Amino acid sequence: MADPSDLLMDRTLVLLRHAKAVPPESMPDLDRPLADRGRADAAAAGRYLVAQGIDADLVICSPSTRTRETWQYAAEAGATATDIWYDRRVYSAGTEELLEVLQDVPADTRTVVLVGHAPGIPWLADELALDGTSPSRVELTQKYPTSGLTVLHLTTRWSDVTADTADLVDYVIPRG
């Protein structure tokens, strides 16, 4: 049974779009690895997480090669995770599916990194962030390139995560 104090626990959610992959016409979409630039950018994302002091309790990653490699290169650059889940629901997921994935996160988890794809990751970032007019929020609705990374702060339980339940902490595009 979850501790009732978990309601007061601060949570961090990092939404990371996979880094640049090889062109889609070269192989099946699920099998596309990172391009050279993608490997460098994924490492830059890892360095960003380290610099911000973000240690993941859980990484939830699409099973695609490019998302798995994005986390691999981030981890090689120093990003850490206590546990990693490869969840098929993240591949080709929209906002509702990604919210369902997050709602399944164990209650005692403080920090989650979700590594996925566009348009799901950008849509989710926009959906979760409380209404605001910061330049970062505007960018979320305009363009969310490969390696785009959003950091959100939540005070709700994972099981209660819905639209407009997070504060936008940062939006960056790490480049290697």
N, C-alpha and C. Protein backbone atom coordinates (compact mmCIF):
# COMPACT_ATOMS: atom_id res chain seq x y z
N MET A 1 0.84 -1.18 0.00
CA MET A 1 0.00 0.00 0.00
C MET A 1 0.89 1.25 0.00
N ALA A 2 0.51 2.22 -0.83
CA ALA A 2 1.30 3.44 -0.95
C ALA A 2 1.18 4.29 0.31
N ASP A 3 2.24 4.94 0.63
CA ASP A 3 2.28 5.85 1.77
C ASP A 3 1.39 7.05 1.47
N PRO A 4 0.48 7.45 2.38
CA PRO A 4 -0.37 8.61 2.13
C PRO A 4 0.42 9.88 1.90
N SER A 5 1.64 9.94 2.41
CA SER A 5 2.44 11.15 2.23
C SER A 5 2.93 11.29 0.79
N ASP A 6 2.75 10.24 -0.04
CA ASP A 6 3.21 10.36 -1.43
C ASP A 6 2.46 11.44 -2.19
N LEU A 7 1.29 11.83 -1.70
CA LEU A 7 0.55 12.91 -2.31
C LEU A 7 1.36 14.20 -2.27
N LEU A 8 2.15 14.38 -1.22
CA LEU A 8 2.92 15.61 -1.05
C LEU A 8 4.30 15.52 -1.71
N MET A 9 4.65 14.36 -2.22
CA MET A 9 5.98 14.17 -2.78
C MET A 9 6.11 14.90 -4.12
N ASP A 10 7.17 15.67 -4.25
CA ASP A 10 7.46 16.30 -5.53
C ASP A 10 7.94 15.25 -6.52
N ARG A 11 7.53 15.40 -7.75
CA ARG A 11 7.94 14.47 -8.79
C ARG A 11 8.49 15.26 -9.97
N THR A 12 9.46 14.65 -10.65
CA THR A 12 10.04 15.25 -11.84
C THR A 12 9.79 14.31 -13.01
N LEU A 13 9.34 14.88 -14.10
CA LEU A 13 9.13 14.14 -15.33
C LEU A 13 9.97 14.79 -16.42
N VAL A 14 10.81 13.98 -17.05
CA VAL A 14 11.61 14.45 -18.17
C VAL A 14 11.07 13.76 -19.42
N LEU A 15 10.68 14.55 -20.40
CA LEU A 15 10.21 14.03 -21.68
C LEU A 15 11.31 14.25 -22.70
N LEU A 16 11.84 13.17 -23.24
CA LEU A 16 12.96 13.24 -24.17
C LEU A 16 12.56 12.61 -25.50
N ARG A 17 12.55 13.43 -26.54
CA ARG A 17 12.35 12.89 -27.88
C ARG A 17 13.66 12.26 -28.31
N HIS A 18 13.58 11.11 -28.97
CA HIS A 18 14.80 10.42 -29.41
C HIS A 18 15.67 11.36 -30.24
N ALA A 19 16.95 11.05 -30.28
CA ALA A 19 17.91 11.82 -31.06
C ALA A 19 17.78 11.48 -32.55
N LYS A 20 18.50 12.21 -33.36
CA LYS A 20 18.44 12.07 -34.82
C LYS A 20 18.79 10.65 -35.26
N ALA A 21 17.91 10.05 -36.07
CA ALA A 21 18.10 8.68 -36.54
C ALA A 21 18.42 8.67 -38.03
N VAL A 22 18.86 7.52 -38.52
CA VAL A 22 19.10 7.38 -39.95
C VAL A 22 17.77 7.54 -40.68
N PRO A 23 17.81 7.85 -41.98
CA PRO A 23 16.57 8.08 -42.74
C PRO A 23 15.63 6.87 -42.72
N PRO A 24 14.33 7.15 -42.74
CA PRO A 24 13.35 6.06 -42.63
C PRO A 24 13.32 5.11 -43.82
N GLU A 25 13.74 5.55 -44.97
CA GLU A 25 13.67 4.66 -46.13
C GLU A 25 14.76 3.59 -46.15
N SER A 26 15.69 3.66 -45.19
CA SER A 26 16.81 2.72 -45.20
C SER A 26 16.49 1.37 -44.54
N MET A 27 15.41 1.29 -43.74
CA MET A 27 15.07 0.05 -43.01
C MET A 27 13.73 0.22 -42.33
N PRO A 28 13.21 -0.84 -41.73
CA PRO A 28 11.94 -0.70 -40.99
C PRO A 28 12.06 0.35 -39.88
N ASP A 29 11.00 1.09 -39.68
CA ASP A 29 11.02 2.20 -38.74
C ASP A 29 11.48 1.80 -37.34
N LEU A 30 11.00 0.70 -36.83
CA LEU A 30 11.34 0.26 -35.48
C LEU A 30 12.83 -0.01 -35.31
N ASP A 31 13.51 -0.35 -36.41
CA ASP A 31 14.92 -0.75 -36.37
C ASP A 31 15.91 0.38 -36.64
N ARG A 32 15.43 1.58 -36.92
CA ARG A 32 16.33 2.67 -37.29
C ARG A 32 17.24 3.08 -36.13
N PRO A 33 18.58 3.00 -36.33
CA PRO A 33 19.51 3.43 -35.28
C PRO A 33 19.75 4.94 -35.36
N LEU A 34 20.49 5.44 -34.39
CA LEU A 34 20.86 6.84 -34.40
C LEU A 34 21.90 7.13 -35.48
N ALA A 35 21.81 8.31 -36.03
CA ALA A 35 22.83 8.82 -36.95
C ALA A 35 24.00 9.34 -36.09
N ASP A 36 25.11 9.67 -36.73
CA ASP A 36 26.26 10.20 -35.99
C ASP A 36 25.86 11.40 -35.14
N ARG A 37 25.14 12.34 -35.74
CA ARG A 37 24.70 13.53 -34.99
C ARG A 37 23.80 13.12 -33.82
N GLY A 38 22.97 12.12 -34.02
CA GLY A 38 22.07 11.66 -32.97
C GLY A 38 22.83 11.12 -31.77
N ARG A 39 23.90 10.37 -32.03
CA ARG A 39 24.69 9.85 -30.92
C ARG A 39 25.31 10.99 -30.11
N ALA A 40 25.81 12.00 -30.79
CA ALA A 40 26.41 13.16 -30.11
C ALA A 40 25.33 13.93 -29.33
N ASP A 41 24.16 14.11 -29.93
CA ASP A 41 23.09 14.85 -29.27
C ASP A 41 22.53 14.08 -28.06
N ALA A 42 22.43 12.77 -28.17
CA ALA A 42 21.95 11.96 -27.04
C ALA A 42 22.94 12.07 -25.87
N ALA A 43 24.23 12.06 -26.17
CA ALA A 43 25.23 12.24 -25.12
C ALA A 43 25.09 13.63 -24.50
N ALA A 44 24.80 14.63 -25.32
CA ALA A 44 24.59 15.99 -24.79
C ALA A 44 23.37 16.02 -23.87
N ALA A 45 22.34 15.27 -24.20
CA ALA A 45 21.16 15.19 -23.33
C ALA A 45 21.55 14.56 -21.99
N GLY A 46 22.38 13.54 -22.03
CA GLY A 46 22.85 12.92 -20.80
C GLY A 46 23.65 13.90 -19.95
N ARG A 47 24.51 14.67 -20.60
CA ARG A 47 25.31 15.67 -19.87
C ARG A 47 24.40 16.74 -19.25
N TYR A 48 23.34 17.11 -19.96
CA TYR A 48 22.38 18.08 -19.42
C TYR A 48 21.73 17.52 -18.14
N LEU A 49 21.29 16.26 -18.19
CA LEU A 49 20.66 15.65 -17.02
C LEU A 49 21.61 15.64 -15.83
N VAL A 50 22.87 15.29 -16.08
CA VAL A 50 23.88 15.28 -15.02
C VAL A 50 24.06 16.69 -14.46
N ALA A 51 24.20 17.68 -15.35
CA ALA A 51 24.42 19.06 -14.91
C ALA A 51 23.25 19.59 -14.08
N GLN A 52 22.04 19.11 -14.36
CA GLN A 52 20.86 19.55 -13.61
C GLN A 52 20.63 18.72 -12.36
N GLY A 53 21.44 17.70 -12.14
CA GLY A 53 21.28 16.85 -10.97
C GLY A 53 20.06 15.95 -11.05
N ILE A 54 19.66 15.60 -12.27
CA ILE A 54 18.48 14.76 -12.46
C ILE A 54 18.92 13.30 -12.55
N ASP A 55 18.58 12.54 -11.52
CA ASP A 55 18.84 11.10 -11.47
C ASP A 55 17.49 10.40 -11.58
N ALA A 56 17.32 9.60 -12.60
CA ALA A 56 16.03 8.94 -12.82
C ALA A 56 15.87 7.73 -11.91
N ASP A 57 14.72 7.63 -11.29
CA ASP A 57 14.35 6.40 -10.62
C ASP A 57 13.90 5.39 -11.67
N LEU A 58 13.29 5.91 -12.73
CA LEU A 58 12.74 5.06 -13.77
C LEU A 58 12.86 5.73 -15.12
N VAL A 59 13.36 4.99 -16.09
CA VAL A 59 13.31 5.41 -17.50
C VAL A 59 12.28 4.52 -18.17
N ILE A 60 11.33 5.14 -18.83
CA ILE A 60 10.36 4.41 -19.63
C ILE A 60 10.69 4.74 -21.07
N CYS A 61 11.02 3.71 -21.84
CA CYS A 61 11.56 3.90 -23.17
C CYS A 61 10.77 3.10 -24.20
N SER A 62 10.51 3.72 -25.32
CA SER A 62 9.95 2.99 -26.46
C SER A 62 10.93 1.88 -26.82
N PRO A 63 10.44 0.77 -27.37
CA PRO A 63 11.35 -0.32 -27.73
C PRO A 63 12.10 -0.11 -29.05
N SER A 64 11.88 1.01 -29.72
CA SER A 64 12.57 1.23 -30.99
C SER A 64 14.08 1.34 -30.76
N THR A 65 14.84 1.01 -31.78
CA THR A 65 16.30 1.08 -31.69
C THR A 65 16.75 2.50 -31.39
N ARG A 66 16.17 3.50 -32.04
CA ARG A 66 16.64 4.88 -31.86
C ARG A 66 16.35 5.42 -30.45
N THR A 67 15.26 5.00 -29.82
CA THR A 67 15.00 5.46 -28.46
C THR A 67 15.90 4.74 -27.47
N ARG A 68 16.09 3.45 -27.69
CA ARG A 68 16.99 2.68 -26.80
C ARG A 68 18.40 3.24 -26.88
N GLU A 69 18.86 3.54 -28.09
CA GLU A 69 20.20 4.11 -28.25
C GLU A 69 20.28 5.52 -27.68
N THR A 70 19.20 6.29 -27.76
CA THR A 70 19.20 7.63 -27.16
C THR A 70 19.50 7.52 -25.67
N TRP A 71 18.80 6.61 -24.98
CA TRP A 71 19.08 6.46 -23.55
C TRP A 71 20.48 5.89 -23.32
N GLN A 72 20.88 4.95 -24.15
CA GLN A 72 22.22 4.35 -23.99
C GLN A 72 23.30 5.42 -24.04
N TYR A 73 23.25 6.30 -25.04
CA TYR A 73 24.29 7.33 -25.16
C TYR A 73 24.16 8.38 -24.06
N ALA A 74 22.93 8.67 -23.62
CA ALA A 74 22.75 9.58 -22.48
C ALA A 74 23.38 8.97 -21.23
N ALA A 75 23.17 7.68 -21.03
CA ALA A 75 23.73 6.99 -19.87
C ALA A 75 25.26 6.93 -19.94
N GLU A 76 25.79 6.69 -21.13
CA GLU A 76 27.24 6.67 -21.28
C GLU A 76 27.85 8.03 -20.97
N ALA A 77 27.05 9.10 -21.12
CA ALA A 77 27.52 10.45 -20.80
C ALA A 77 27.30 10.79 -19.33
N GLY A 78 26.77 9.84 -18.55
CA GLY A 78 26.65 10.04 -17.11
C GLY A 78 25.24 10.04 -16.55
N ALA A 79 24.21 10.07 -17.40
CA ALA A 79 22.83 10.03 -16.89
C ALA A 79 22.60 8.69 -16.20
N THR A 80 21.84 8.70 -15.12
CA THR A 80 21.64 7.49 -14.35
C THR A 80 20.16 7.14 -14.23
N ALA A 81 19.91 5.85 -14.04
CA ALA A 81 18.54 5.36 -13.82
C ALA A 81 18.61 4.14 -12.93
N THR A 82 17.71 4.07 -11.98
CA THR A 82 17.62 2.91 -11.11
C THR A 82 17.00 1.73 -11.85
N ASP A 83 16.02 2.02 -12.73
CA ASP A 83 15.33 0.97 -13.46
C ASP A 83 14.97 1.49 -14.85
N ILE A 84 14.87 0.58 -15.81
CA ILE A 84 14.47 0.93 -17.18
C ILE A 84 13.37 -0.02 -17.61
N TRP A 85 12.28 0.54 -18.11
CA TRP A 85 11.20 -0.24 -18.69
C TRP A 85 11.14 0.06 -20.18
N TYR A 86 11.06 -0.98 -21.00
CA TYR A 86 10.82 -0.81 -22.43
C TYR A 86 9.36 -1.13 -22.66
N ASP A 87 8.59 -0.11 -23.02
CA ASP A 87 7.14 -0.23 -23.08
C ASP A 87 6.66 0.00 -24.51
N ARG A 88 6.08 -1.03 -25.11
CA ARG A 88 5.59 -0.94 -26.49
C ARG A 88 4.54 0.15 -26.66
N ARG A 89 3.84 0.48 -25.59
CA ARG A 89 2.81 1.52 -25.69
C ARG A 89 3.38 2.88 -26.05
N VAL A 90 4.66 3.10 -25.77
CA VAL A 90 5.27 4.40 -26.04
C VAL A 90 5.51 4.59 -27.54
N TYR A 91 5.76 3.51 -28.26
CA TYR A 91 6.00 3.60 -29.70
C TYR A 91 4.69 3.97 -30.40
N SER A 92 4.70 5.03 -31.17
CA SER A 92 3.52 5.52 -31.91
C SER A 92 2.39 5.99 -31.00
N ALA A 93 2.69 6.30 -29.75
CA ALA A 93 1.65 6.71 -28.81
C ALA A 93 1.29 8.18 -28.96
N GLY A 94 0.02 8.45 -28.73
CA GLY A 94 -0.46 9.81 -28.61
C GLY A 94 -0.51 10.20 -27.14
N THR A 95 -1.08 11.35 -26.88
CA THR A 95 -1.13 11.88 -25.51
C THR A 95 -1.85 10.94 -24.55
N GLU A 96 -3.00 10.43 -24.93
CA GLU A 96 -3.78 9.59 -24.02
C GLU A 96 -3.02 8.32 -23.64
N GLU A 97 -2.38 7.69 -24.62
CA GLU A 97 -1.61 6.47 -24.34
C GLU A 97 -0.42 6.77 -23.44
N LEU A 98 0.25 7.88 -23.67
CA LEU A 98 1.40 8.24 -22.83
C LEU A 98 0.96 8.58 -21.42
N LEU A 99 -0.19 9.23 -21.27
CA LEU A 99 -0.71 9.49 -19.93
C LEU A 99 -1.00 8.18 -19.21
N GLU A 100 -1.55 7.19 -19.92
CA GLU A 100 -1.81 5.89 -19.31
C GLU A 100 -0.51 5.22 -18.84
N VAL A 101 0.54 5.35 -19.64
CA VAL A 101 1.84 4.80 -19.26
C VAL A 101 2.31 5.46 -17.96
N LEU A 102 2.22 6.78 -17.89
CA LEU A 102 2.66 7.50 -16.69
C LEU A 102 1.79 7.15 -15.48
N GLN A 103 0.52 6.94 -15.70
CA GLN A 103 -0.38 6.62 -14.59
C GLN A 103 -0.08 5.24 -14.00
N ASP A 104 0.68 4.42 -14.72
CA ASP A 104 1.09 3.10 -14.22
C ASP A 104 2.40 3.13 -13.43
N VAL A 105 3.04 4.29 -13.33
CA VAL A 105 4.31 4.40 -12.62
C VAL A 105 4.07 4.16 -11.12
N PRO A 106 4.93 3.39 -10.47
CA PRO A 106 4.77 3.16 -9.03
C PRO A 106 4.73 4.48 -8.24
N ALA A 107 3.89 4.52 -7.24
CA ALA A 107 3.64 5.75 -6.47
C ALA A 107 4.89 6.32 -5.81
N ASP A 108 5.84 5.47 -5.42
CA ASP A 108 7.02 5.97 -4.71
C ASP A 108 8.13 6.44 -5.64
N THR A 109 7.88 6.47 -6.93
CA THR A 109 8.87 6.92 -7.91
C THR A 109 8.88 8.44 -7.94
N ARG A 110 10.07 9.01 -7.78
CA ARG A 110 10.19 10.48 -7.75
C ARG A 110 10.50 11.07 -9.12
N THR A 111 11.38 10.43 -9.89
CA THR A 111 11.83 11.00 -11.15
C THR A 111 11.71 9.98 -12.27
N VAL A 112 11.01 10.38 -13.34
CA VAL A 112 10.82 9.52 -14.51
C VAL A 112 11.36 10.24 -15.74
N VAL A 113 12.10 9.51 -16.57
CA VAL A 113 12.49 9.98 -17.89
C VAL A 113 11.72 9.13 -18.89
N LEU A 114 10.94 9.79 -19.74
CA LEU A 114 10.17 9.10 -20.77
C LEU A 114 10.82 9.40 -22.12
N VAL A 115 11.34 8.35 -22.77
CA VAL A 115 12.04 8.51 -24.05
C VAL A 115 11.13 7.98 -25.15
N GLY A 116 10.71 8.88 -26.02
CA GLY A 116 9.75 8.49 -27.04
C GLY A 116 9.92 9.25 -28.34
N HIS A 117 8.79 9.42 -29.01
CA HIS A 117 8.77 9.90 -30.39
C HIS A 117 7.86 11.12 -30.55
N ALA A 118 8.02 11.79 -31.68
CA ALA A 118 7.07 12.82 -32.10
C ALA A 118 5.99 12.11 -32.93
N PRO A 119 4.78 12.55 -32.84
CA PRO A 119 4.33 13.75 -32.14
C PRO A 119 3.92 13.53 -30.68
N GLY A 120 3.97 12.30 -30.19
CA GLY A 120 3.49 12.02 -28.83
C GLY A 120 4.20 12.80 -27.74
N ILE A 121 5.53 12.81 -27.77
CA ILE A 121 6.29 13.51 -26.71
C ILE A 121 6.00 15.02 -26.74
N PRO A 122 6.07 15.70 -27.89
CA PRO A 122 5.73 17.13 -27.87
C PRO A 122 4.29 17.40 -27.44
N TRP A 123 3.37 16.59 -27.91
CA TRP A 123 1.97 16.78 -27.52
C TRP A 123 1.80 16.62 -26.02
N LEU A 124 2.46 15.61 -25.45
CA LEU A 124 2.34 15.37 -24.02
C LEU A 124 2.95 16.53 -23.24
N ALA A 125 4.09 17.04 -23.66
CA ALA A 125 4.71 18.18 -22.99
C ALA A 125 3.75 19.36 -22.96
N ASP A 126 3.14 19.63 -24.09
CA ASP A 126 2.20 20.74 -24.18
C ASP A 126 0.95 20.48 -23.33
N GLU A 127 0.47 19.27 -23.34
CA GLU A 127 -0.74 18.89 -22.60
C GLU A 127 -0.53 18.99 -21.09
N LEU A 128 0.63 18.57 -20.60
CA LEU A 128 0.87 18.54 -19.16
C LEU A 128 1.19 19.90 -18.58
N ALA A 129 1.91 20.73 -19.33
CA ALA A 129 2.37 22.01 -18.80
C ALA A 129 1.17 22.93 -18.54
N LEU A 130 1.15 23.50 -17.34
CA LEU A 130 0.10 24.45 -16.99
C LEU A 130 0.12 25.60 -17.98
N ASP A 131 -1.04 26.16 -18.23
CA ASP A 131 -1.12 27.30 -19.16
C ASP A 131 -0.13 28.37 -18.74
N GLY A 132 0.58 28.88 -19.71
CA GLY A 132 1.58 29.90 -19.44
C GLY A 132 2.03 30.53 -20.74
N THR A 133 2.80 31.57 -20.63
CA THR A 133 3.24 32.29 -21.82
C THR A 133 4.75 32.39 -21.90
N SER A 134 5.47 31.54 -21.18
CA SER A 134 6.92 31.61 -21.24
C SER A 134 7.39 31.26 -22.65
N PRO A 135 8.56 31.76 -23.04
CA PRO A 135 9.08 31.42 -24.37
C PRO A 135 9.20 29.92 -24.57
N SER A 136 9.58 29.19 -23.51
CA SER A 136 9.70 27.74 -23.64
C SER A 136 8.36 27.11 -23.97
N ARG A 137 7.30 27.56 -23.33
CA ARG A 137 5.97 26.99 -23.59
C ARG A 137 5.57 27.25 -25.03
N VAL A 138 5.87 28.42 -25.54
CA VAL A 138 5.55 28.73 -26.93
C VAL A 138 6.31 27.78 -27.86
N GLU A 139 7.57 27.50 -27.55
CA GLU A 139 8.36 26.59 -28.38
C GLU A 139 7.78 25.18 -28.38
N LEU A 140 7.19 24.75 -27.28
CA LEU A 140 6.61 23.41 -27.22
C LEU A 140 5.52 23.24 -28.27
N THR A 141 4.80 24.31 -28.54
CA THR A 141 3.71 24.22 -29.49
C THR A 141 4.16 24.49 -30.93
N GLN A 142 5.38 24.98 -31.12
CA GLN A 142 5.88 25.32 -32.45
C GLN A 142 6.74 24.21 -33.06
N LYS A 143 7.77 23.81 -32.34
CA LYS A 143 8.71 22.82 -32.88
C LYS A 143 9.39 22.11 -31.73
N TYR A 144 9.49 20.80 -31.85
CA TYR A 144 10.11 19.99 -30.82
C TYR A 144 11.03 19.03 -31.56
N PRO A 145 12.26 19.45 -31.85
CA PRO A 145 13.14 18.66 -32.69
C PRO A 145 13.67 17.41 -31.99
N THR A 146 14.36 16.58 -32.74
CA THR A 146 15.02 15.43 -32.15
C THR A 146 15.91 15.91 -31.02
N SER A 147 16.01 15.12 -29.98
CA SER A 147 16.74 15.43 -28.74
C SER A 147 16.07 16.52 -27.91
N GLY A 148 14.91 17.02 -28.32
CA GLY A 148 14.19 17.98 -27.50
C GLY A 148 13.90 17.36 -26.14
N LEU A 149 14.07 18.15 -25.10
CA LEU A 149 13.96 17.63 -23.74
C LEU A 149 13.19 18.64 -22.89
N THR A 150 12.13 18.15 -22.25
CA THR A 150 11.32 18.99 -21.38
C THR A 150 11.41 18.45 -19.96
N VAL A 151 11.60 19.34 -19.00
CA VAL A 151 11.59 18.97 -17.59
C VAL A 151 10.34 19.58 -16.98
N LEU A 152 9.55 18.73 -16.34
CA LEU A 152 8.31 19.15 -15.71
C LEU A 152 8.33 18.80 -14.23
N HIS A 153 7.72 19.63 -13.42
CA HIS A 153 7.59 19.39 -11.98
C HIS A 153 6.11 19.09 -11.71
N LEU A 154 5.88 17.99 -11.00
CA LEU A 154 4.51 17.59 -10.66
C LEU A 154 4.37 17.47 -9.15
N THR A 155 3.19 17.77 -8.64
CA THR A 155 2.89 17.54 -7.23
C THR A 155 1.73 16.56 -7.07
N THR A 156 1.27 16.00 -8.17
CA THR A 156 0.22 14.98 -8.12
C THR A 156 0.85 13.60 -8.10
N ARG A 157 0.07 12.61 -7.71
CA ARG A 157 0.50 11.22 -7.83
C ARG A 157 0.58 10.89 -9.31
N TRP A 158 1.42 9.93 -9.65
CA TRP A 158 1.49 9.49 -11.05
C TRP A 158 0.12 9.03 -11.53
N SER A 159 -0.59 8.34 -10.67
CA SER A 159 -1.91 7.82 -11.06
C SER A 159 -2.92 8.93 -11.34
N ASP A 160 -2.61 10.15 -10.89
CA ASP A 160 -3.52 11.29 -11.08
C ASP A 160 -3.04 12.27 -12.15
N VAL A 161 -1.98 11.94 -12.85
CA VAL A 161 -1.43 12.85 -13.86
C VAL A 161 -2.44 13.01 -15.00
N THR A 162 -2.79 14.26 -15.26
CA THR A 162 -3.68 14.60 -16.37
C THR A 162 -3.21 15.93 -16.95
N ALA A 163 -3.96 16.44 -17.91
CA ALA A 163 -3.62 17.71 -18.53
C ALA A 163 -3.49 18.81 -17.48
N ASP A 164 -2.56 19.70 -17.73
CA ASP A 164 -2.35 20.89 -16.88
C ASP A 164 -2.05 20.56 -15.42
N THR A 165 -1.29 19.48 -15.18
CA THR A 165 -0.94 19.13 -13.80
C THR A 165 0.55 19.27 -13.52
N ALA A 166 1.27 19.97 -14.39
CA ALA A 166 2.71 20.09 -14.22
C ALA A 166 3.17 21.52 -14.49
N ASP A 167 4.26 21.88 -13.83
CA ASP A 167 4.91 23.16 -14.09
C ASP A 167 6.08 22.92 -15.02
N LEU A 168 6.19 23.72 -16.04
CA LEU A 168 7.31 23.64 -16.97
C LEU A 168 8.54 24.22 -16.29
N VAL A 169 9.56 23.39 -16.11
CA VAL A 169 10.80 23.83 -15.47
C VAL A 169 11.80 24.26 -16.54
N ASP A 170 11.92 23.46 -17.60
CA ASP A 170 12.90 23.77 -18.63
C ASP A 170 12.54 23.07 -19.93
N TYR A 171 12.93 23.67 -21.02
CA TYR A 171 12.82 23.06 -22.33
C TYR A 171 14.12 23.38 -23.05
N VAL A 172 14.86 22.34 -23.42
CA VAL A 172 16.15 22.53 -24.06
C VAL A 172 16.29 21.59 -25.26
N ILE A 173 17.22 21.94 -26.12
CA ILE A 173 17.54 21.09 -27.26
C ILE A 173 19.04 20.82 -27.18
N PRO A 174 19.44 19.78 -26.46
CA PRO A 174 20.86 19.49 -26.29
C PRO A 174 21.50 19.12 -27.62
N ARG A 175 22.63 19.70 -27.87
CA ARG A 175 23.38 19.39 -29.10
C ARG A 175 24.81 19.03 -28.73
N GLY A 176 25.33 18.00 -29.40
CA GLY A 176 26.67 17.51 -29.11
C GLY A 176 27.73 18.12 -29.98
